[in-house]
Amino acid sequence: ASQPNNASFRFCELFAGIGGFRVGLESLGGQCIFSSEMDPYASSTYQLNFGEAPTVGDITTVPTSDFPTNYDLLVGGFPCQSFSMAGCQKGLEDYITANGRLYLEVCRVLCATRPKA
């Protein structure tokens, strides 16, 4: 992840997509220290946007001990298809894609790493 020396805060970006959260947070003085994105097309665009690929792919396969703990903010745009009108609308019961339960990965990381914000 990028390493500006004058960052006012450090953040981790889950379900990064093409880096929308990162663009906004870096414009506010933040430094991205960890990112995840499993879609290969989104990851390719992320790399073009930032000069580096996301730190990891499938967040569900990353052991809790591998997450950084020295950061201030966790952000994540977990998939919404399980909840949206345009998607399958199965919510937490979306066992086909498991997207409805991916928010639990945010909870897992938050509980394990306890960021400042």
Foldseek 3Di string as FASTA:
>chain_A
DDDDPQAPFEEEEEQQQLNPVVVVNVVVRYHYDAYEAADPVSQVNNCVVPVDGGPYYDLVPDDLVPDDQPGAYYYYDQDCQCCDPNHPVVACNPPPVNSNVCVVSVVSNCVSRVHND
